[in-house]
PDB file of N, CA and C in Angstrom:
ATOM      1  N   MET A   1      79.010  84.465 115.418  1.00  0.00           N
ATOM      2  CA  MET A   1      80.328  83.881 115.479  1.00  0.00           C
ATOM      3  C   MET A   1      81.189  84.769 116.382  1.00  0.00           C
ATOM      4  N   PRO A   2      81.795  84.206 117.387  1.00  0.00           N
ATOM      5  CA  PRO A   2      82.678  84.985 118.257  1.00  0.00           C
ATOM      6  C   PRO A   2      83.972  85.365 117.535  1.00  0.00           C
ATOM      7  N   ILE A   3      84.444  86.543 117.799  1.00  0.00           N
ATOM      8  CA  ILE A   3      85.684  87.039 117.189  1.00  0.00           C
ATOM      9  C   ILE A   3      86.581  87.588 118.291  1.00  0.00           C
ATOM     10  N   ARG A   4      87.850  87.259 118.198  1.00  0.00           N
ATOM     11  CA  ARG A   4      88.849  87.807 119.127  1.00  0.00           C
ATOM     12  C   ARG A   4      89.533  88.977 118.435  1.00  0.00           C
ATOM     13  N   TRP A   5      89.409  90.175 118.979  1.00  0.00           N
ATOM     14  CA  TRP A   5      90.034  91.378 118.429  1.00  0.00           C
ATOM     15  C   TRP A   5      91.314  91.682 119.190  1.00  0.00           C
ATOM     16  N   VAL A   6      92.327  92.137 118.463  1.00  0.00           N
ATOM     17  CA  VAL A   6      93.581  92.578 119.076  1.00  0.00           C
ATOM     18  C   VAL A   6      93.888  93.951 118.499  1.00  0.00           C
ATOM     19  N   LEU A   7      94.042  94.922 119.351  1.00  0.00           N
ATOM     20  CA  LEU A   7      94.382  96.281 118.925  1.00  0.00           C
ATOM     21  C   LEU A   7      95.816  96.555 119.347  1.00  0.00           C
ATOM     22  N   VAL A   8      96.665  96.906 118.376  1.00  0.00           N
ATOM     23  CA  VAL A   8      98.086  97.146 118.639  1.00  0.00           C
ATOM     24  C   VAL A   8      98.366  98.627 118.440  1.00  0.00           C
ATOM     25  N   VAL A   9      98.945  99.234 119.465  1.00  0.00           N
ATOM     26  CA  VAL A   9      99.310 100.644 119.415  1.00  0.00           C
ATOM     27  C   VAL A   9     100.823 100.731 119.467  1.00  0.00           C
ATOM     28  N   ASN A  10     101.398 101.489 118.554  1.00  0.00           N
ATOM     29  CA  ASN A  10     102.844 101.660 118.492  1.00  0.00           C
ATOM     30  C   ASN A  10     103.291 102.617 119.591  1.00  0.00           C
ATOM     31  N   ALA A  11     104.178 102.151 120.449  1.00  0.00           N
ATOM     32  CA  ALA A  11     104.664 102.972 121.565  1.00  0.00           C
ATOM     33  C   ALA A  11     105.569 104.111 121.098  1.00  0.00           C
ATOM     34  N   GLU A  12     106.033 104.053 119.848  1.00  0.00           N
ATOM     35  CA  GLU A  12     106.939 105.085 119.345  1.00  0.00           C
ATOM     36  C   GLU A  12     106.203 106.233 118.663  1.00  0.00           C
ATOM     37  N   GLY A  13     104.896 106.287 118.822  1.00  0.00           N
ATOM     38  CA  GLY A  13     104.176 107.453 118.361  1.00  0.00           C
ATOM     39  C   GLY A  13     103.426 107.351 117.059  1.00  0.00           C
ATOM     40  N   ASP A  14     103.379 106.187 116.432  1.00  0.00           N
ATOM     41  CA  ASP A  14     102.581 106.055 115.214  1.00  0.00           C
ATOM     42  C   ASP A  14     101.124 106.297 115.593  1.00  0.00           C
ATOM     43  N   PRO A  15     100.471 107.276 114.980  1.00  0.00           N
ATOM     44  CA  PRO A  15      99.115 107.631 115.415  1.00  0.00           C
ATOM     45  C   PRO A  15      98.041 106.615 115.053  1.00  0.00           C
ATOM     46  N   ASP A  16      98.315 105.726 114.104  1.00  0.00           N
ATOM     47  CA  ASP A  16      97.300 104.775 113.665  1.00  0.00           C
ATOM     48  C   ASP A  16      97.506 103.407 114.305  1.00  0.00           C
ATOM     49  N   PRO A  17      96.584 102.981 115.142  1.00  0.00           N
ATOM     50  CA  PRO A  17      96.689 101.627 115.702  1.00  0.00           C
ATOM     51  C   PRO A  17      96.355 100.593 114.630  1.00  0.00           C
ATOM     52  N   ALA A  18      96.801  99.371 114.826  1.00  0.00           N
ATOM     53  CA  ALA A  18      96.499  98.273 113.910  1.00  0.00           C
ATOM     54  C   ALA A  18      95.542  97.314 114.610  1.00  0.00           C
ATOM     55  N   ALA A  19      94.533  96.882 113.895  1.00  0.00           N
ATOM     56  CA  ALA A  19      93.555  95.952 114.453  1.00  0.00           C
ATOM     57  C   ALA A  19      93.681  94.602 113.753  1.00  0.00           C
ATOM     58  N   PHE A  20      93.679  93.543 114.524  1.00  0.00           N
ATOM     59  CA  PHE A  20      93.752  92.176 114.019  1.00  0.00           C
ATOM     60  C   PHE A  20      92.605  91.403 114.641  1.00  0.00           C
ATOM     61  N   PHE A  21      92.120  90.403 113.943  1.00  0.00           N
ATOM     62  CA  PHE A  21      91.062  89.596 114.532  1.00  0.00           C
ATOM     63  C   PHE A  21      91.214  88.147 114.138  1.00  0.00           C
ATOM     64  N   CYS A  22      90.557  87.295 114.918  1.00  0.00           N
ATOM     65  CA  CYS A  22      90.613  85.857 114.703  1.00  0.00           C
ATOM     66  C   CYS A  22      89.252  85.280 115.084  1.00  0.00           C
ATOM     67  N   THR A  23      88.816  84.260 114.380  1.00  0.00           N
ATOM     68  CA  THR A  23      87.528  83.647 114.688  1.00  0.00           C
ATOM     69  C   THR A  23      87.627  82.621 115.807  1.00  0.00           C
ATOM     70  N   CYS A  24      88.806  82.437 116.347  1.00  0.00           N
ATOM     71  CA  CYS A  24      88.995  81.540 117.493  1.00  0.00           C
ATOM     72  C   CYS A  24      89.196  82.394 118.741  1.00  0.00           C
ATOM     73  N   PRO A  25      88.167  82.563 119.569  1.00  0.00           N
ATOM     74  CA  PRO A  25      88.299  83.426 120.740  1.00  0.00           C
ATOM     75  C   PRO A  25      89.313  82.917 121.761  1.00  0.00           C
ATOM     76  N   ALA A  26      89.712  81.645 121.671  1.00  0.00           N
ATOM     77  CA  ALA A  26      90.688  81.101 122.621  1.00  0.00           C
ATOM     78  C   ALA A  26      92.128  81.468 122.253  1.00  0.00           C
ATOM     79  N   CYS A  27      92.354  81.955 121.031  1.00  0.00           N
ATOM     80  CA  CYS A  27      93.716  82.327 120.613  1.00  0.00           C
ATOM     81  C   CYS A  27      94.221  83.506 121.436  1.00  0.00           C
ATOM     82  N   GLN A  28      95.481  83.436 121.778  1.00  0.00           N
ATOM     83  CA  GLN A  28      96.104  84.505 122.534  1.00  0.00           C
ATOM     84  C   GLN A  28      96.465  85.666 121.597  1.00  0.00           C
ATOM     85  N   PRO A  29      96.429  86.898 122.089  1.00  0.00           N
ATOM     86  CA  PRO A  29      96.757  88.054 121.247  1.00  0.00           C
ATOM     87  C   PRO A  29      98.123  87.943 120.569  1.00  0.00           C
ATOM     88  N   LEU A  30      99.124  87.489 121.282  1.00  0.00           N
ATOM     89  CA  LEU A  30     100.457  87.362 120.691  1.00  0.00           C
ATOM     90  C   LEU A  30     100.452  86.365 119.529  1.00  0.00           C
ATOM     91  N   SER A  31      99.700  85.283 119.658  1.00  0.00           N
ATOM     92  CA  SER A  31      99.610  84.287 118.580  1.00  0.00           C
ATOM     93  C   SER A  31      98.958  84.878 117.334  1.00  0.00           C
ATOM     94  N   ILE A  32      97.947  85.705 117.532  1.00  0.00           N
ATOM     95  CA  ILE A  32      97.253  86.320 116.399  1.00  0.00           C
ATOM     96  C   ILE A  32      98.179  87.265 115.653  1.00  0.00           C
ATOM     97  N   VAL A  33      98.891  88.105 116.383  1.00  0.00           N
ATOM     98  CA  VAL A  33      99.808  89.049 115.745  1.00  0.00           C
ATOM     99  C   VAL A  33     100.977  88.308 115.099  1.00  0.00           C
ATOM    100  N   THR A  34     101.501  87.281 115.752  1.00  0.00           N
ATOM    101  CA  THR A  34     102.601  86.494 115.188  1.00  0.00           C
ATOM    102  C   THR A  34     102.181  85.828 113.884  1.00  0.00           C
ATOM    103  N   ALA A  35     100.969  85.279 113.840  1.00  0.00           N
ATOM    104  CA  ALA A  35     100.477  84.650 112.606  1.00  0.00           C
ATOM    105  C   ALA A  35     100.378  85.680 111.478  1.00  0.00           C
ATOM    106  N   PHE A  36      99.932  86.890 111.801  1.00  0.00           N
ATOM    107  CA  PHE A  36      99.846  87.938 110.785  1.00  0.00           C
ATOM    108  C   PHE A  36     101.236  88.285 110.248  1.00  0.00           C
ATOM    109  N   VAL A  37     102.198  88.453 111.134  1.00  0.00           N
ATOM    110  CA  VAL A  37     103.561  88.813 110.711  1.00  0.00           C
ATOM    111  C   VAL A  37     104.146  87.724 109.822  1.00  0.00           C
ATOM    112  N   ARG A  38     103.956  86.479 110.202  1.00  0.00           N
ATOM    113  CA  ARG A  38     104.472  85.382 109.371  1.00  0.00           C
ATOM    114  C   ARG A  38     103.809  85.374 107.993  1.00  0.00           C
ATOM    115  N   ARG A  39     102.505  85.556 107.972  1.00  0.00           N
ATOM    116  CA  ARG A  39     101.795  85.564 106.693  1.00  0.00           C
ATOM    117  C   ARG A  39     102.201  86.771 105.854  1.00  0.00           C
ATOM    118  N   TRP A  40     102.406  87.910 106.496  1.00  0.00           N
ATOM    119  CA  TRP A  40     102.817  89.114 105.772  1.00  0.00           C
ATOM    120  C   TRP A  40     104.143  88.877 105.063  1.00  0.00           C
ATOM    121  N   ASN A  41     105.086  88.214 105.737  1.00  0.00           N
ATOM    122  CA  ASN A  41     106.380  87.918 105.117  1.00  0.00           C
ATOM    123  C   ASN A  41     106.211  87.044 103.879  1.00  0.00           C
ATOM    124  N   VAL A  42     105.309  86.071 103.922  1.00  0.00           N
ATOM    125  CA  VAL A  42     105.046  85.205 102.772  1.00  0.00           C
ATOM    126  C   VAL A  42     104.444  86.019 101.627  1.00  0.00           C
ATOM    127  N   GLU A  43     103.482  86.866 101.941  1.00  0.00           N
ATOM    128  CA  GLU A  43     102.839  87.682 100.907  1.00  0.00           C
ATOM    129  C   GLU A  43     103.831  88.618 100.224  1.00  0.00           C
ATOM    130  N   VAL A  44     104.712  89.221 101.000  1.00  0.00           N
ATOM    131  CA  VAL A  44     105.728  90.113 100.427  1.00  0.00           C
ATOM    132  C   VAL A  44     106.653  89.324  99.508  1.00  0.00           C
ATOM    133  N   THR A  45     107.056  88.134  99.927  1.00  0.00           N
ATOM    134  CA  THR A  45     107.924  87.295  99.094  1.00  0.00           C
ATOM    135  C   THR A  45     107.226  86.928  97.791  1.00  0.00           C
ATOM    136  N   PHE A  46     105.947  86.533  97.853  1.00  0.00           N
ATOM    137  CA  PHE A  46     105.208  86.220  96.635  1.00  0.00           C
ATOM    138  C   PHE A  46     105.140  87.425  95.706  1.00  0.00           C
ATOM    139  N   GLU A  47     104.820  88.576  96.240  1.00  0.00           N
ATOM    140  CA  GLU A  47     104.699  89.776  95.414  1.00  0.00           C
ATOM    141  C   GLU A  47     106.033  90.148  94.766  1.00  0.00           C
ATOM    142  N   GLU A  48     107.121  90.085  95.532  1.00  0.00           N
ATOM    143  CA  GLU A  48     108.434  90.407  94.967  1.00  0.00           C
ATOM    144  C   GLU A  48     108.831  89.392  93.901  1.00  0.00           C
ATOM    145  N   SER A  49     108.511  88.122  94.119  1.00  0.00           N
ATOM    146  CA  SER A  49     108.825  87.083  93.129  1.00  0.00           C
ATOM    147  C   SER A  49     108.043  87.316  91.849  1.00  0.00           C
ATOM    148  N   ARG A  50     106.759  87.618  91.981  1.00  0.00           N
ATOM    149  CA  ARG A  50     105.954  87.885  90.791  1.00  0.00           C
ATOM    150  C   ARG A  50     106.500  89.078  90.023  1.00  0.00           C
ATOM    151  N   ARG A  51     106.858  90.127  90.734  1.00  0.00           N
ATOM    152  CA  ARG A  51     107.361  91.325  90.079  1.00  0.00           C
ATOM    153  C   ARG A  51     108.698  91.035  89.388  1.00  0.00           C
ATOM    154  N   HIS A  52     109.585  90.316  90.069  1.00  0.00           N
ATOM    155  CA  HIS A  52     110.913  90.033  89.528  1.00  0.00           C
ATOM    156  C   HIS A  52     110.842  89.107  88.306  1.00  0.00           C
ATOM    157  N   LEU A  53     109.966  88.091  88.368  1.00  0.00           N
ATOM    158  CA  LEU A  53     109.890  87.109  87.293  1.00  0.00           C
ATOM    159  C   LEU A  53     108.875  87.471  86.215  1.00  0.00           C
ATOM    160  N   GLY A  54     108.100  88.515  86.446  1.00  0.00           N
ATOM    161  CA  GLY A  54     107.097  88.904  85.466  1.00  0.00           C
ATOM    162  C   GLY A  54     105.859  88.035  85.515  1.00  0.00           C
ATOM    163  N   ILE A  55     105.618  87.416  86.653  1.00  0.00           N
ATOM    164  CA  ILE A  55     104.447  86.555  86.809  1.00  0.00           C
ATOM    165  C   ILE A  55     103.295  87.391  87.328  1.00  0.00           C
ATOM    166  N   GLU A  56     102.185  87.328  86.643  1.00  0.00           N
ATOM    167  CA  GLU A  56     100.990  88.059  87.051  1.00  0.00           C
ATOM    168  C   GLU A  56      99.867  87.058  87.279  1.00  0.00           C
ATOM    169  N   THR A  57      98.937  87.409  88.123  1.00  0.00           N
ATOM    170  CA  THR A  57      97.757  86.572  88.282  1.00  0.00           C
ATOM    171  C   THR A  57      96.803  86.877  87.143  1.00  0.00           C
ATOM    172  N   GLN A  58      95.835  86.015  86.923  1.00  0.00           N
ATOM    173  CA  GLN A  58      94.883  86.241  85.844  1.00  0.00           C
ATOM    174  C   GLN A  58      94.063  87.494  86.076  1.00  0.00           C
ATOM    175  N   ARG A  59      93.891  87.875  87.323  1.00  0.00           N
ATOM    176  CA  ARG A  59      93.121  89.078  87.611  1.00  0.00           C
ATOM    177  C   ARG A  59      93.913  90.343  87.324  1.00  0.00           C
ATOM    178  N   ARG A  60      95.221  90.255  87.331  1.00  0.00           N
ATOM    179  CA  ARG A  60      96.056  91.447  87.180  1.00  0.00           C
ATOM    180  C   ARG A  60      96.569  91.678  85.777  1.00  0.00           C
ATOM    181  N   GLY A  61      96.584  90.688  84.949  1.00  0.00           N
ATOM    182  CA  GLY A  61      97.122  90.907  83.618  1.00  0.00           C
ATOM    183  C   GLY A  61      97.657  89.634  83.008  1.00  0.00           C
ATOM    184  N   PRO A  62      98.624  89.752  82.105  1.00  0.00           N
ATOM    185  CA  PRO A  62      99.153  88.586  81.389  1.00  0.00           C
ATOM    186  C   PRO A  62      99.740  87.558  82.351  1.00  0.00           C
ATOM    187  N   THR A  63      99.668  86.308  81.965  1.00  0.00           N
ATOM    188  CA  THR A  63     100.241  85.241  82.778  1.00  0.00           C
ATOM    189  C   THR A  63     101.694  85.022  82.390  1.00  0.00           C
ATOM    190  N   TRP A  64     102.395  84.274  83.207  1.00  0.00           N
ATOM    191  CA  TRP A  64     103.824  84.058  83.021  1.00  0.00           C
ATOM    192  C   TRP A  64     104.181  83.500  81.645  1.00  0.00           C
ATOM    193  N   PRO A  65     103.497  82.479  81.121  1.00  0.00           N
ATOM    194  CA  PRO A  65     103.921  81.930  79.817  1.00  0.00           C
ATOM    195  C   PRO A  65     103.931  82.955  78.687  1.00  0.00           C
ATOM    196  N   SER A  66     103.041  83.928  78.721  1.00  0.00           N
ATOM    197  CA  SER A  66     103.014  84.900  77.628  1.00  0.00           C
ATOM    198  C   SER A  66     104.145  85.913  77.727  1.00  0.00           C
ATOM    199  N   LEU A  67     104.708  86.106  78.929  1.00  0.00           N
ATOM    200  CA  LEU A  67     105.783  87.083  79.105  1.00  0.00           C
ATOM    201  C   LEU A  67     107.167  86.448  79.175  1.00  0.00           C
ATOM    202  N   ALA A  68     107.245  85.182  79.529  1.00  0.00           N
ATOM    203  CA  ALA A  68     108.535  84.533  79.766  1.00  0.00           C
ATOM    204  C   ALA A  68     109.478  84.585  78.561  1.00  0.00           C
ATOM    205  N   PRO A  69     109.046  84.274  77.342  1.00  0.00           N
ATOM    206  CA  PRO A  69     109.990  84.292  76.226  1.00  0.00           C
ATOM    207  C   PRO A  69     110.623  85.660  76.002  1.00  0.00           C
ATOM    208  N   ARG A  70     109.863  86.718  76.164  1.00  0.00           N
ATOM    209  CA  ARG A  70     110.416  88.048  75.949  1.00  0.00           C
ATOM    210  C   ARG A  70     111.431  88.417  77.035  1.00  0.00           C
ATOM    211  N   ARG A  71     111.245  87.907  78.235  1.00  0.00           N
ATOM    212  CA  ARG A  71     112.158  88.241  79.322  1.00  0.00           C
ATOM    213  C   ARG A  71     113.429  87.373  79.286  1.00  0.00           C
ATOM    214  N   SER A  72     113.309  86.125  78.826  1.00  0.00           N
ATOM    215  CA  SER A  72     114.444  85.216  78.923  1.00  0.00           C
ATOM    216  C   SER A  72     115.294  85.130  77.659  1.00  0.00           C
ATOM    217  N   CYS A  73     114.779  85.534  76.517  1.00  0.00           N
ATOM    218  CA  CYS A  73     115.513  85.426  75.246  1.00  0.00           C
ATOM    219  C   CYS A  73     115.690  86.817  74.648  1.00  0.00           C
ATOM    220  N   SER A  74     116.922  87.266  74.596  1.00  0.00           N
ATOM    221  CA  SER A  74     117.151  88.618  74.107  1.00  0.00           C
ATOM    222  C   SER A  74     116.794  88.775  72.621  1.00  0.00           C
ATOM    223  N   GLY A  75     116.871  87.680  71.847  1.00  0.00           N
ATOM    224  CA  GLY A  75     116.576  87.780  70.424  1.00  0.00           C
ATOM    225  C   GLY A  75     115.142  87.436  70.071  1.00  0.00           C
ATOM    226  N   TYR A  76     114.325  87.228  71.062  1.00  0.00           N
ATOM    227  CA  TYR A  76     112.937  86.824  70.819  1.00  0.00           C
ATOM    228  C   TYR A  76     112.102  87.988  70.329  1.00  0.00           C
ATOM    229  N   SER A  77     111.313  87.745  69.326  1.00  0.00           N
ATOM    230  CA  SER A  77     110.350  88.771  68.898  1.00  0.00           C
ATOM    231  C   SER A  77     109.079  88.054  68.477  1.00  0.00           C
ATOM    232  N   ARG A  78     107.988  88.692  68.687  1.00  0.00           N
ATOM    233  CA  ARG A  78     106.708  88.073  68.371  1.00  0.00           C
ATOM    234  C   ARG A  78     106.058  88.783  67.226  1.00  0.00           C
TER     235      ARG A  78
END
């Protein structure tokens, strides 16, 4: 399978370059990096929302329904 690699080096001196890849060799490097940045923003928003609302995935721990009553009702006790 052909892979398009993009290596990004920070001109301001960050010693670690970032590598991105795509399985579409026709994609332009700027498109690949732009797609990553857009997706990164979505992932950060999801993570902050989960942390703020107390929502966890099944792999990480309790799910939202088990934590919601304790977070939303000050007089709730189990």
